[in-house]
Amino acid sequence: VAGDVARMPAELKARAFDRVIANPPYFDRRRGTAATLAERET
């Protein structure tokens, strides 16, 4: 599903899962410098 974790798509919000996994962005951009390529920065 193409969508945002912050605005969970309805088709996923309606479900409960046995296993959830995540590899969230490693860097807190309140500290540090953003990557120059937008796709990599996301």
ModelCIF file with pLDDT and N, C-alpha, C, O atoms, coordinates in Angstrom:
data_MODEL
#
_entry.id   MODEL 
#
_entity.id                         1 
_entity.type                       polymer 
_entity.pdbx_number_of_molecules   1 
#
_entity_poly.entity_id                      1 
_entity_poly.type                           'polypeptide(L)' 
_entity_poly.nstd_linkage                   no 
_entity_poly.nstd_monomer                   no 
_entity_poly.pdbx_seq_one_letter_code       VAGDVARMPAELKARAFDRVIANPPYFDRRRGTAATLAERET 
_entity_poly.pdbx_seq_one_letter_code_can   VAGDVARMPAELKARAFDRVIANPPYFDRRRGTAATLAERET 
_entity_poly.pdbx_strand_id                 A 
#
loop_
_entity_poly_seq.entity_id 
_entity_poly_seq.num 
_entity_poly_seq.mon_id 
_entity_poly_seq.hetero 
1 1  VAL n 
1 2  ALA n 
1 3  GLY n 
1 4  ASP n 
1 5  VAL n 
1 6  ALA n 
1 7  ARG n 
1 8  MET n 
1 9  PRO n 
1 10 ALA n 
1 11 GLU n 
1 12 LEU n 
1 13 LYS n 
1 14 ALA n 
1 15 ARG n 
1 16 ALA n 
1 17 PHE n 
1 18 ASP n 
1 19 ARG n 
1 20 VAL n 
1 21 ILE n 
1 22 ALA n 
1 23 ASN n 
1 24 PRO n 
1 25 PRO n 
1 26 TYR n 
1 27 PHE n 
1 28 ASP n 
1 29 ARG n 
1 30 ARG n 
1 31 ARG n 
1 32 GLY n 
1 33 THR n 
1 34 ALA n 
1 35 ALA n 
1 36 THR n 
1 37 LEU n 
1 38 ALA n 
1 39 GLU n 
1 40 ARG n 
1 41 GLU n 
1 42 THR n 
#
_struct_asym.id          A 
_struct_asym.entity_id   1 
#
loop_
_ma_qa_metric.id 
_ma_qa_metric.mode 
_ma_qa_metric.name 
_ma_qa_metric.software_group_id 
_ma_qa_metric.type 
1 global pLDDT . pLDDT 
2 local  pLDDT . pLDDT 
#
_ma_qa_metric_global.metric_id      1 
_ma_qa_metric_global.metric_value   78.86 
_ma_qa_metric_global.model_id       1 
_ma_qa_metric_global.ordinal_id     1 
#
loop_
_ma_qa_metric_local.label_asym_id 
_ma_qa_metric_local.label_comp_id 
_ma_qa_metric_local.label_seq_id 
_ma_qa_metric_local.metric_id 
_ma_qa_metric_local.metric_value 
_ma_qa_metric_local.model_id 
_ma_qa_metric_local.ordinal_id 
A VAL 1  2 98.00 1 1  
A ALA 2  2 97.00 1 2  
A GLY 3  2 97.00 1 3  
A ASP 4  2 96.00 1 4  
A VAL 5  2 96.00 1 5  
A ALA 6  2 94.00 1 6  
A ARG 7  2 96.00 1 7  
A MET 8  2 97.00 1 8  
A PRO 9  2 97.00 1 9  
A ALA 10 2 97.00 1 10 
A GLU 11 2 97.00 1 11 
A LEU 12 2 98.00 1 12 
A LYS 13 2 96.00 1 13 
A ALA 14 2 96.00 1 14 
A ARG 15 2 97.00 1 15 
A ALA 16 2 98.00 1 16 
A PHE 17 2 98.00 1 17 
A ASP 18 2 98.00 1 18 
A ARG 19 2 98.00 1 19 
A VAL 20 2 99.00 1 20 
A ILE 21 2 98.00 1 21 
A ALA 22 2 98.00 1 22 
A ASN 23 2 97.00 1 23 
A PRO 24 2 96.00 1 24 
A PRO 25 2 95.00 1 25 
A TYR 26 2 92.00 1 26 
A PHE 27 2 64.00 1 27 
A ASP 28 2 61.00 1 28 
A ARG 29 2 41.00 1 29 
A ARG 30 2 54.00 1 30 
A ARG 31 2 55.00 1 31 
A GLY 32 2 49.00 1 32 
A THR 33 2 53.00 1 33 
A ALA 34 2 47.00 1 34 
A ALA 35 2 43.00 1 35 
A THR 36 2 51.00 1 36 
A LEU 37 2 50.00 1 37 
A ALA 38 2 49.00 1 38 
A GLU 39 2 49.00 1 39 
A ARG 40 2 43.00 1 40 
A GLU 41 2 40.00 1 41 
A THR 42 2 47.00 1 42 
#
loop_
_atom_site.group_PDB 
_atom_site.id 
_atom_site.type_symbol 
_atom_site.label_atom_id 
_atom_site.label_alt_id 
_atom_site.label_comp_id 
_atom_site.label_asym_id 
_atom_site.label_entity_id 
_atom_site.label_seq_id 
_atom_site.pdbx_PDB_ins_code 
_atom_site.Cartn_x 
_atom_site.Cartn_y 
_atom_site.Cartn_z 
_atom_site.occupancy 
_atom_site.B_iso_or_equiv 
_atom_site.pdbx_formal_charge 
_atom_site.auth_seq_id 
_atom_site.auth_comp_id 
_atom_site.auth_asym_id 
_atom_site.auth_atom_id 
_atom_site.pdbx_PDB_model_num 
ATOM 1   N N  . VAL A 1 1  ? 0.852  -1.184  0.000  1.00 98.00 ? 1  VAL A N  1 
ATOM 2   C CA . VAL A 1 1  ? 0.000  0.000   0.000  1.00 98.00 ? 1  VAL A CA 1 
ATOM 3   C C  . VAL A 1 1  ? 0.888  1.235   0.000  1.00 98.00 ? 1  VAL A C  1 
ATOM 4   O O  . VAL A 1 1  ? 1.808  1.341   0.812  1.00 98.00 ? 1  VAL A O  1 
ATOM 5   N N  . ALA A 1 2  ? 0.620  2.164   -0.902 1.00 97.00 ? 2  ALA A N  1 
ATOM 6   C CA . ALA A 1 2  ? 1.322  3.449   -0.908 1.00 97.00 ? 2  ALA A CA 1 
ATOM 7   C C  . ALA A 1 2  ? 0.598  4.387   0.049  1.00 97.00 ? 2  ALA A C  1 
ATOM 8   O O  . ALA A 1 2  ? -0.578 4.698   -0.144 1.00 97.00 ? 2  ALA A O  1 
ATOM 9   N N  . GLY A 1 3  ? 1.306  4.833   1.079  1.00 97.00 ? 3  GLY A N  1 
ATOM 10  C CA . GLY A 1 3  ? 0.683  5.703   2.070  1.00 97.00 ? 3  GLY A CA 1 
ATOM 11  C C  . GLY A 1 3  ? 1.666  6.062   3.157  1.00 97.00 ? 3  GLY A C  1 
ATOM 12  O O  . GLY A 1 3  ? 2.809  5.603   3.170  1.00 97.00 ? 3  GLY A O  1 
ATOM 13  N N  . ASP A 1 4  ? 1.191  6.902   4.079  1.00 96.00 ? 4  ASP A N  1 
ATOM 14  C CA . ASP A 1 4  ? 2.032  7.497   5.110  1.00 96.00 ? 4  ASP A CA 1 
ATOM 15  C C  . ASP A 1 4  ? 1.751  6.844   6.458  1.00 96.00 ? 4  ASP A C  1 
ATOM 16  O O  . ASP A 1 4  ? 0.594  6.636   6.824  1.00 96.00 ? 4  ASP A O  1 
ATOM 17  N N  . VAL A 1 5  ? 2.815  6.522   7.195  1.00 96.00 ? 5  VAL A N  1 
ATOM 18  C CA . VAL A 1 5  ? 2.666  5.973   8.539  1.00 96.00 ? 5  VAL A CA 1 
ATOM 19  C C  . VAL A 1 5  ? 1.865  6.930   9.423  1.00 96.00 ? 5  VAL A C  1 
ATOM 20  O O  . VAL A 1 5  ? 1.084  6.490   10.266 1.00 96.00 ? 5  VAL A O  1 
ATOM 21  N N  . ALA A 1 6  ? 2.059  8.233   9.231  1.00 94.00 ? 6  ALA A N  1 
ATOM 22  C CA . ALA A 1 6  ? 1.367  9.227   10.054 1.00 94.00 ? 6  ALA A CA 1 
ATOM 23  C C  . ALA A 1 6  ? -0.115 9.322   9.732  1.00 94.00 ? 6  ALA A C  1 
ATOM 24  O O  . ALA A 1 6  ? -0.895 9.790   10.562 1.00 94.00 ? 6  ALA A O  1 
ATOM 25  N N  . ARG A 1 7  ? -0.517 8.892   8.554  1.00 96.00 ? 7  ARG A N  1 
ATOM 26  C CA . ARG A 1 7  ? -1.922 8.899   8.143  1.00 96.00 ? 7  ARG A CA 1 
ATOM 27  C C  . ARG A 1 7  ? -2.242 7.515   7.588  1.00 96.00 ? 7  ARG A C  1 
ATOM 28  O O  . ARG A 1 7  ? -2.349 7.321   6.377  1.00 96.00 ? 7  ARG A O  1 
ATOM 29  N N  . MET A 1 8  ? -2.390 6.578   8.484  1.00 97.00 ? 8  MET A N  1 
ATOM 30  C CA . MET A 1 8  ? -2.537 5.174   8.120  1.00 97.00 ? 8  MET A CA 1 
ATOM 31  C C  . MET A 1 8  ? -3.700 4.975   7.150  1.00 97.00 ? 8  MET A C  1 
ATOM 32  O O  . MET A 1 8  ? -4.825 5.368   7.457  1.00 97.00 ? 8  MET A O  1 
ATOM 33  N N  . PRO A 1 9  ? -3.453 4.375   5.993  1.00 97.00 ? 9  PRO A N  1 
ATOM 34  C CA . PRO A 1 9  ? -4.540 4.123   5.032  1.00 97.00 ? 9  PRO A CA 1 
ATOM 35  C C  . PRO A 1 9  ? -5.651 3.276   5.650  1.00 97.00 ? 9  PRO A C  1 
ATOM 36  O O  . PRO A 1 9  ? -5.393 2.390   6.465  1.00 97.00 ? 9  PRO A O  1 
ATOM 37  N N  . ALA A 1 10 ? -6.875 3.558   5.254  1.00 97.00 ? 10 ALA A N  1 
ATOM 38  C CA . ALA A 1 10 ? -8.040 2.899   5.849  1.00 97.00 ? 10 ALA A CA 1 
ATOM 39  C C  . ALA A 1 10 ? -7.967 1.385   5.711  1.00 97.00 ? 10 ALA A C  1 
ATOM 40  O O  . ALA A 1 10 ? -8.380 0.662   6.618  1.00 97.00 ? 10 ALA A O  1 
ATOM 41  N N  . GLU A 1 11 ? -7.450 0.897   4.591  1.00 97.00 ? 11 GLU A N  1 
ATOM 42  C CA . GLU A 1 11 ? -7.414 -0.547  4.373  1.00 97.00 ? 11 GLU A CA 1 
ATOM 43  C C  . GLU A 1 11 ? -6.477 -1.265  5.344  1.00 97.00 ? 11 GLU A C  1 
ATOM 44  O O  . GLU A 1 11 ? -6.666 -2.450  5.618  1.00 97.00 ? 11 GLU A O  1 
ATOM 45  N N  . LEU A 1 12 ? -5.471 -0.562  5.866  1.00 98.00 ? 12 LEU A N  1 
ATOM 46  C CA . LEU A 1 12 ? -4.602 -1.128  6.898  1.00 98.00 ? 12 LEU A CA 1 
ATOM 47  C C  . LEU A 1 12 ? -5.110 -0.811  8.291  1.00 98.00 ? 12 LEU A C  1 
ATOM 48  O O  . LEU A 1 12 ? -4.976 -1.620  9.210  1.00 98.00 ? 12 LEU A O  1 
ATOM 49  N N  . LYS A 1 13 ? -5.694 0.369   8.444  1.00 96.00 ? 13 LYS A N  1 
ATOM 50  C CA . LYS A 1 13 ? -6.218 0.779   9.749  1.00 96.00 ? 13 LYS A CA 1 
ATOM 51  C C  . LYS A 1 13 ? -7.332 -0.149  10.220 1.00 96.00 ? 13 LYS A C  1 
ATOM 52  O O  . LYS A 1 13 ? -7.557 -0.288  11.422 1.00 96.00 ? 13 LYS A O  1 
ATOM 53  N N  . ALA A 1 14 ? -8.023 -0.778  9.292  1.00 96.00 ? 14 ALA A N  1 
ATOM 54  C CA . ALA A 1 14 ? -9.126 -1.665  9.638  1.00 96.00 ? 14 ALA A CA 1 
ATOM 55  C C  . ALA A 1 14 ? -8.653 -3.049  10.076 1.00 96.00 ? 14 ALA A C  1 
ATOM 56  O O  . ALA A 1 14 ? -9.462 -3.869  10.510 1.00 96.00 ? 14 ALA A O  1 
ATOM 57  N N  . ARG A 1 15 ? -7.361 -3.312  9.968  1.00 97.00 ? 15 ARG A N  1 
ATOM 58  C CA . ARG A 1 15 ? -6.847 -4.653  10.258 1.00 97.00 ? 15 ARG A CA 1 
ATOM 59  C C  . ARG A 1 15 ? -5.953 -4.673  11.495 1.00 97.00 ? 15 ARG A C  1 
ATOM 60  O O  . ARG A 1 15 ? -5.435 -3.642  11.923 1.00 97.00 ? 15 ARG A O  1 
ATOM 61  N N  . ALA A 1 16 ? -5.785 -5.862  12.055 1.00 98.00 ? 16 ALA A N  1 
ATOM 62  C CA . ALA A 1 16 ? -4.800 -6.101  13.112 1.00 98.00 ? 16 ALA A CA 1 
ATOM 63  C C  . ALA A 1 16 ? -3.881 -7.213  12.627 1.00 98.00 ? 16 ALA A C  1 
ATOM 64  O O  . ALA A 1 16 ? -4.335 -8.166  11.994 1.00 98.00 ? 16 ALA A O  1 
ATOM 65  N N  . PHE A 1 17 ? -2.584 -7.095  12.923 1.00 98.00 ? 17 PHE A N  1 
ATOM 66  C CA . PHE A 1 17 ? -1.573 -8.003  12.381 1.00 98.00 ? 17 PHE A CA 1 
ATOM 67  C C  . PHE A 1 17 ? -0.865 -8.752  13.507 1.00 98.00 ? 17 PHE A C  1 
ATOM 68  O O  . PHE A 1 17 ? -0.696 -8.237  14.612 1.00 98.00 ? 17 PHE A O  1 
ATOM 69  N N  . ASP A 1 18 ? -0.455 -9.981  13.193 1.00 98.00 ? 18 ASP A N  1 
ATOM 70  C CA . ASP A 1 18 ? 0.293  -10.777 14.169 1.00 98.00 ? 18 ASP A CA 1 
ATOM 71  C C  . ASP A 1 18 ? 1.704  -10.253 14.374 1.00 98.00 ? 18 ASP A C  1 
ATOM 72  O O  . ASP A 1 18 ? 2.233  -10.289 15.485 1.00 98.00 ? 18 ASP A O  1 
ATOM 73  N N  . ARG A 1 19 ? 2.305  -9.770  13.309 1.00 98.00 ? 19 ARG A N  1 
ATOM 74  C CA . ARG A 1 19 ? 3.678  -9.275  13.374 1.00 98.00 ? 19 ARG A CA 1 
ATOM 75  C C  . ARG A 1 19 ? 3.764  -7.942  12.624 1.00 98.00 ? 19 ARG A C  1 
ATOM 76  O O  . ARG A 1 19 ? 3.338  -7.840  11.474 1.00 98.00 ? 19 ARG A O  1 
ATOM 77  N N  . VAL A 1 20 ? 4.309  -6.942  13.273 1.00 99.00 ? 20 VAL A N  1 
ATOM 78  C CA . VAL A 1 20 ? 4.611  -5.674  12.622 1.00 99.00 ? 20 VAL A CA 1 
ATOM 79  C C  . VAL A 1 20 ? 6.108  -5.452  12.721 1.00 99.00 ? 20 VAL A C  1 
ATOM 80  O O  . VAL A 1 20 ? 6.697  -5.650  13.784 1.00 99.00 ? 20 VAL A O  1 
ATOM 81  N N  . ILE A 1 21 ? 6.725  -5.045  11.629 1.00 98.00 ? 21 ILE A N  1 
ATOM 82  C CA . ILE A 1 21 ? 8.156  -4.786  11.604 1.00 98.00 ? 21 ILE A CA 1 
ATOM 83  C C  . ILE A 1 21 ? 8.396  -3.383  11.065 1.00 98.00 ? 21 ILE A C  1 
ATOM 84  O O  . ILE A 1 21 ? 7.591  -2.853  10.299 1.00 98.00 ? 21 ILE A O  1 
ATOM 85  N N  . ALA A 1 22 ? 9.513  -2.788  11.476 1.00 98.00 ? 22 ALA A N  1 
ATOM 86  C CA . ALA A 1 22 ? 9.816  -1.433  11.012 1.00 98.00 ? 22 ALA A CA 1 
ATOM 87  C C  . ALA A 1 22 ? 11.314 -1.179  11.085 1.00 98.00 ? 22 ALA A C  1 
ATOM 88  O O  . ALA A 1 22 ? 12.000 -1.598  12.018 1.00 98.00 ? 22 ALA A O  1 
ATOM 89  N N  . ASN A 1 23 ? 11.790 -0.483  10.073 1.00 97.00 ? 23 ASN A N  1 
ATOM 90  C CA . ASN A 1 23 ? 13.166 0.011   10.004 1.00 97.00 ? 23 ASN A CA 1 
ATOM 91  C C  . ASN A 1 23 ? 13.064 1.534   9.815  1.00 97.00 ? 23 ASN A C  1 
ATOM 92  O O  . ASN A 1 23 ? 13.343 2.047   8.731  1.00 97.00 ? 23 ASN A O  1 
ATOM 93  N N  . PRO A 1 24 ? 12.659 2.255   10.885 1.00 96.00 ? 24 PRO A N  1 
ATOM 94  C CA . PRO A 1 24 ? 12.401 3.698   10.731 1.00 96.00 ? 24 PRO A CA 1 
ATOM 95  C C  . PRO A 1 24 ? 13.668 4.456   10.352 1.00 96.00 ? 24 PRO A C  1 
ATOM 96  O O  . PRO A 1 24 ? 14.775 3.963   10.570 1.00 96.00 ? 24 PRO A O  1 
ATOM 97  N N  . PRO A 1 25 ? 13.513 5.655   9.786  1.00 95.00 ? 25 PRO A N  1 
ATOM 98  C CA . PRO A 1 25 ? 14.698 6.471   9.488  1.00 95.00 ? 25 PRO A CA 1 
ATOM 99  C C  . PRO A 1 25 ? 15.624 6.579   10.691 1.00 95.00 ? 25 PRO A C  1 
ATOM 100 O O  . PRO A 1 25 ? 15.180 6.803   11.817 1.00 95.00 ? 25 PRO A O  1 
ATOM 101 N N  . TYR A 1 26 ? 16.913 6.418   10.433 1.00 92.00 ? 26 TYR A N  1 
ATOM 102 C CA . TYR A 1 26 ? 17.881 6.349   11.529 1.00 92.00 ? 26 TYR A CA 1 
ATOM 103 C C  . TYR A 1 26 ? 18.229 7.699   12.137 1.00 92.00 ? 26 TYR A C  1 
ATOM 104 O O  . TYR A 1 26 ? 18.649 7.763   13.292 1.00 92.00 ? 26 TYR A O  1 
ATOM 105 N N  . PHE A 1 27 ? 18.062 8.778   11.381 1.00 64.00 ? 27 PHE A N  1 
ATOM 106 C CA . PHE A 1 27 ? 18.606 10.053  11.813 1.00 64.00 ? 27 PHE A CA 1 
ATOM 107 C C  . PHE A 1 27 ? 17.503 11.016  12.237 1.00 64.00 ? 27 PHE A C  1 
ATOM 108 O O  . PHE A 1 27 ? 16.502 11.190  11.542 1.00 64.00 ? 27 PHE A O  1 
ATOM 109 N N  . ASP A 1 28 ? 17.710 11.630  13.387 1.00 61.00 ? 28 ASP A N  1 
ATOM 110 C CA . ASP A 1 28 ? 16.828 12.674  13.892 1.00 61.00 ? 28 ASP A CA 1 
ATOM 111 C C  . ASP A 1 28 ? 17.275 13.982  13.254 1.00 61.00 ? 28 ASP A C  1 
ATOM 112 O O  . ASP A 1 28 ? 18.352 14.490  13.565 1.00 61.00 ? 28 ASP A O  1 
ATOM 113 N N  . ARG A 1 29 ? 16.447 14.532  12.357 1.00 41.00 ? 29 ARG A N  1 
ATOM 114 C CA . ARG A 1 29 ? 16.874 15.718  11.614 1.00 41.00 ? 29 ARG A CA 1 
ATOM 115 C C  . ARG A 1 29 ? 16.780 17.006  12.419 1.00 41.00 ? 29 ARG A C  1 
ATOM 116 O O  . ARG A 1 29 ? 17.042 18.087  11.893 1.00 41.00 ? 29 ARG A O  1 
ATOM 117 N N  . ARG A 1 30 ? 16.406 16.898  13.696 1.00 54.00 ? 30 ARG A N  1 
ATOM 118 C CA . ARG A 1 30 ? 16.599 18.047  14.569 1.00 54.00 ? 30 ARG A CA 1 
ATOM 119 C C  . ARG A 1 30 ? 18.081 18.228  14.863 1.00 54.00 ? 30 ARG A C  1 
ATOM 120 O O  . ARG A 1 30 ? 18.527 19.286  15.305 1.00 54.00 ? 30 ARG A O  1 
ATOM 121 N N  . ARG A 1 31 ? 18.832 17.153  14.600 1.00 55.00 ? 31 ARG A N  1 
ATOM 122 C CA . ARG A 1 31 ? 20.287 17.176  14.725 1.00 55.00 ? 31 ARG A CA 1 
ATOM 123 C C  . ARG A 1 31 ? 20.860 16.539  13.463 1.00 55.00 ? 31 ARG A C  1 
ATOM 124 O O  . ARG A 1 31 ? 20.393 15.474  13.059 1.00 55.00 ? 31 ARG A O  1 
ATOM 125 N N  . GLY A 1 32 ? 21.836 17.144  12.839 1.00 49.00 ? 32 GLY A N  1 
ATOM 126 C CA . GLY A 1 32 ? 22.458 16.566  11.657 1.00 49.00 ? 32 GLY A CA 1 
ATOM 127 C C  . GLY A 1 32 ? 21.997 17.234  10.378 1.00 49.00 ? 32 GLY A C  1 
ATOM 128 O O  . GLY A 1 32 ? 21.143 18.121  10.379 1.00 49.00 ? 32 GLY A O  1 
ATOM 129 N N  . THR A 1 33 ? 22.595 16.774  9.280  1.00 53.00 ? 33 THR A N  1 
ATOM 130 C CA . THR A 1 33 ? 22.385 17.382  7.965  1.00 53.00 ? 33 THR A CA 1 
ATOM 131 C C  . THR A 1 33 ? 21.625 16.435  7.058  1.00 53.00 ? 33 THR A C  1 
ATOM 132 O O  . THR A 1 33 ? 21.911 15.238  7.024  1.00 53.00 ? 33 THR A O  1 
ATOM 133 N N  . ALA A 1 34 ? 20.667 16.959  6.332  1.00 47.00 ? 34 ALA A N  1 
ATOM 134 C CA . ALA A 1 34 ? 19.850 16.136  5.444  1.00 47.00 ? 34 ALA A CA 1 
ATOM 135 C C  . ALA A 1 34 ? 20.659 15.662  4.246  1.00 47.00 ? 34 ALA A C  1 
ATOM 136 O O  . ALA A 1 34 ? 21.599 16.329  3.813  1.00 47.00 ? 34 ALA A O  1 
ATOM 137 N N  . ALA A 1 35 ? 20.278 14.489  3.712  1.00 43.00 ? 35 ALA A N  1 
ATOM 138 C CA . ALA A 1 35 ? 20.866 13.986  2.479  1.00 43.00 ? 35 ALA A CA 1 
ATOM 139 C C  . ALA A 1 35 ? 20.417 14.867  1.314  1.00 43.00 ? 35 ALA A C  1 
ATOM 140 O O  . ALA A 1 35 ? 19.321 15.426  1.335  1.00 43.00 ? 35 ALA A O  1 
ATOM 141 N N  . THR A 1 36 ? 21.271 14.983  0.301  1.00 51.00 ? 36 THR A N  1 
ATOM 142 C CA . THR A 1 36 ? 20.949 15.867  -0.830 1.00 51.00 ? 36 THR A CA 1 
ATOM 143 C C  . THR A 1 36 ? 19.888 15.279  -1.747 1.00 51.00 ? 36 THR A C  1 
ATOM 144 O O  . THR A 1 36 ? 19.129 16.032  -2.356 1.00 51.00 ? 36 THR A O  1 
ATOM 145 N N  . LEU A 1 37 ? 19.811 13.959  -1.865 1.00 50.00 ? 37 LEU A N  1 
ATOM 146 C CA . LEU A 1 37 ? 18.829 13.317  -2.727 1.00 50.00 ? 37 LEU A CA 1 
ATOM 147 C C  . LEU A 1 37 ? 17.550 13.076  -1.929 1.00 50.00 ? 37 LEU A C  1 
ATOM 148 O O  . LEU A 1 37 ? 17.580 12.420  -0.888 1.00 50.00 ? 37 LEU A O  1 
ATOM 149 N N  . ALA A 1 38 ? 16.432 13.603  -2.413 1.00 49.00 ? 38 ALA A N  1 
ATOM 150 C CA . ALA A 1 38 ? 15.181 13.573  -1.651 1.00 49.00 ? 38 ALA A CA 1 
ATOM 151 C C  . ALA A 1 38 ? 14.748 12.158  -1.299 1.00 49.00 ? 38 ALA A C  1 
ATOM 152 O O  . ALA A 1 38 ? 14.314 11.913  -0.173 1.00 49.00 ? 38 ALA A O  1 
ATOM 153 N N  . GLU A 1 39 ? 14.856 11.215  -2.243 1.00 49.00 ? 39 GLU A N  1 
ATOM 154 C CA . GLU A 1 39 ? 14.422 9.849   -1.988 1.00 49.00 ? 39 GLU A CA 1 
ATOM 155 C C  . GLU A 1 39 ? 15.237 9.206   -0.870 1.00 49.00 ? 39 GLU A C  1 
ATOM 156 O O  . GLU A 1 39 ? 14.704 8.462   -0.047 1.00 49.00 ? 39 GLU A O  1 
ATOM 157 N N  . ARG A 1 40 ? 16.526 9.500   -0.851 1.00 43.00 ? 40 ARG A N  1 
ATOM 158 C CA . ARG A 1 40 ? 17.388 8.950   0.197  1.00 43.00 ? 40 ARG A CA 1 
ATOM 159 C C  . ARG A 1 40 ? 17.078 9.599   1.545  1.00 43.00 ? 40 ARG A C  1 
ATOM 160 O O  . ARG A 1 40 ? 17.077 8.922   2.572  1.00 43.00 ? 40 ARG A O  1 
ATOM 161 N N  . GLU A 1 41 ? 16.819 10.897  1.548  1.00 40.00 ? 41 GLU A N  1 
ATOM 162 C CA . GLU A 1 41 ? 16.511 11.606  2.782  1.00 40.00 ? 41 GLU A CA 1 
ATOM 163 C C  . GLU A 1 41 ? 15.225 11.094  3.414  1.00 40.00 ? 41 GLU A C  1 
ATOM 164 O O  . GLU A 1 41 ? 15.141 10.972  4.636  1.00 40.00 ? 41 GLU A O  1 
ATOM 165 N N  . THR A 1 42 ? 14.226 10.795  2.598  1.00 47.00 ? 42 THR A N  1 
ATOM 166 C CA . THR A 1 42 ? 12.971 10.271  3.135  1.00 47.00 ? 42 THR A CA 1 
ATOM 167 C C  . THR A 1 42 ? 13.200 8.972   3.880  1.00 47.00 ? 42 THR A C  1 
ATOM 168 O O  . THR A 1 42 ? 12.252 8.384   4.402  1.00 47.00 ? 42 THR A O  1 
#
